[in-house]
Amino acid sequence: MPFIHKNLANGRWCELSLAEQLGNIGSEVYRASRWQGKDEKLFWGAVERALELFDLTLDDPRWIGRRFEIARAREVFCDAFYGGNLYKSSFRDLIRYFNIFALAVRN
């Protein structure tokens, strides 16, 4: 399956810090939350982009020791877009989590 983020998949993603990577994932999480229940095409597009960024982060060899945390965040994200039944997760909670990384990069 071709990458949505071709430039990032070709190595650019591994040039970003973990905070930058998670902040970018958070942008897609936010987009998904905005479009949920309003526009299915835009919602699922944001979900697919977020999942691809999660997978690129999991493939980044620098984060071998952090893979459990990253994979759990991906799992909680999946739970949120399927209704939060397993972890009682919500997009609002995920946005708060990811905003911390975006703010860290900004500062």
Protein backbone atom coordinates (compact mmCIF):
# COMPACT_ATOMS: atom_id res chain seq x y z
CA MET A 1 0.00 0.00 0.00
CA PRO A 2 1.48 3.39 -0.94
CA PHE A 3 2.26 5.91 1.74
CA ILE A 4 0.11 8.97 2.22
CA HIS A 5 3.08 10.90 3.62
CA LYS A 6 5.64 9.91 0.94
CA ASN A 7 8.23 12.52 1.90
CA LEU A 8 8.06 11.56 5.56
CA ALA A 9 8.16 7.83 4.80
CA ASN A 10 11.32 8.35 2.70
CA GLY A 11 13.30 9.28 5.81
CA ARG A 12 12.21 12.79 6.73
CA TRP A 13 10.12 11.44 9.63
CA CYS A 14 13.24 10.04 11.30
CA GLU A 15 14.79 13.52 11.28
CA LEU A 16 12.09 14.77 13.66
CA SER A 17 12.29 14.50 17.43
CA LEU A 18 9.80 12.29 19.26
CA ALA A 19 7.94 15.39 20.45
CA GLU A 20 7.69 16.64 16.87
CA GLN A 21 6.46 13.27 15.67
CA LEU A 22 3.83 13.01 18.40
CA GLY A 23 2.79 16.63 17.86
CA ASN A 24 2.17 15.87 14.19
CA ILE A 25 0.17 12.79 15.11
CA GLY A 26 -1.82 15.02 17.44
CA SER A 27 -2.68 17.30 14.52
CA GLU A 28 -4.32 14.38 12.73
CA VAL A 29 -6.07 13.29 15.92
CA TYR A 30 -7.49 16.80 16.21
CA ARG A 31 -8.62 16.76 12.58
CA ALA A 32 -10.32 13.40 13.08
CA SER A 33 -12.13 14.72 16.14
CA ARG A 34 -13.36 17.78 14.22
CA TRP A 35 -14.80 15.71 11.37
CA GLN A 36 -16.25 12.80 13.34
CA GLY A 37 -19.98 12.71 12.69
CA LYS A 38 -19.77 15.60 10.22
CA ASP A 39 -17.89 14.38 7.16
CA GLU A 40 -17.00 10.69 6.97
CA LYS A 41 -14.51 11.11 4.13
CA LEU A 42 -12.51 13.78 5.97
CA PHE A 43 -12.82 11.86 9.25
CA TRP A 44 -11.45 8.61 7.83
CA GLY A 45 -8.74 10.49 5.92
CA ALA A 46 -7.47 11.97 9.18
CA VAL A 47 -7.69 8.57 10.89
CA GLU A 48 -5.64 6.94 8.10
CA ARG A 49 -3.03 9.69 8.21
CA ALA A 50 -2.75 9.44 12.01
CA LEU A 51 -2.34 5.66 11.83
CA GLU A 52 0.36 6.00 9.19
CA LEU A 53 2.23 8.52 11.35
CA PHE A 54 1.92 6.20 14.36
CA ASP A 55 3.37 3.39 12.25
CA LEU A 56 6.23 5.55 11.00
CA THR A 57 6.99 6.47 14.62
CA LEU A 58 6.91 2.81 15.67
CA ASP A 59 9.34 2.00 12.83
CA ASP A 60 11.79 4.72 13.89
CA PRO A 61 14.74 2.79 15.39
CA ARG A 62 15.49 5.59 17.88
CA TRP A 63 12.36 4.77 19.85
CA ILE A 64 12.92 1.05 20.45
CA GLY A 65 12.67 1.62 24.20
CA ARG A 66 9.48 3.67 23.80
CA ARG A 67 7.58 1.40 21.42
CA PHE A 68 5.25 0.10 24.12
CA GLU A 69 4.13 3.64 24.97
CA ILE A 70 3.74 4.62 21.31
CA ALA A 71 1.85 1.42 20.49
CA ARG A 72 -0.44 1.94 23.47
CA ALA A 73 -1.20 5.50 22.34
CA ARG A 74 -2.07 4.07 18.89
CA GLU A 75 -4.32 1.48 20.51
CA VAL A 76 -6.11 4.11 22.59
CA PHE A 77 -6.54 6.24 19.46
CA CYS A 78 -8.14 3.27 17.67
CA ASP A 79 -10.41 2.73 20.67
CA ALA A 80 -11.49 6.39 20.55
CA PHE A 81 -12.54 6.33 16.92
CA TYR A 82 -14.44 3.09 17.48
CA GLY A 83 -16.39 4.62 20.36
CA GLY A 84 -14.11 4.26 23.41
CA ASN A 85 -15.59 0.96 24.54
CA LEU A 86 -12.37 -0.75 25.63
CA TYR A 87 -10.46 2.06 27.35
CA LYS A 88 -13.21 4.68 27.63
CA SER A 89 -10.96 6.87 25.51
CA SER A 90 -12.10 10.02 23.81
CA PHE A 91 -10.68 12.38 21.26
CA ARG A 92 -10.77 15.14 23.85
CA ASP A 93 -8.46 13.17 26.15
CA LEU A 94 -6.16 12.29 23.26
CA ILE A 95 -5.95 15.90 22.12
CA ARG A 96 -4.90 16.93 25.65
CA TYR A 97 -2.21 14.22 25.61
CA PHE A 98 -0.81 15.18 22.21
CA ASN A 99 -1.01 18.94 22.83
CA ILE A 100 1.71 18.55 25.46
CA PHE A 101 4.13 17.45 22.74
CA ALA A 102 3.10 20.23 20.36
CA LEU A 103 3.63 22.79 23.13
CA ALA A 104 7.02 21.30 24.04
CA VAL A 105 8.17 21.67 20.43
CA ARG A 106 6.88 25.23 20.25
CA ASN A 107 8.76 26.23 23.41
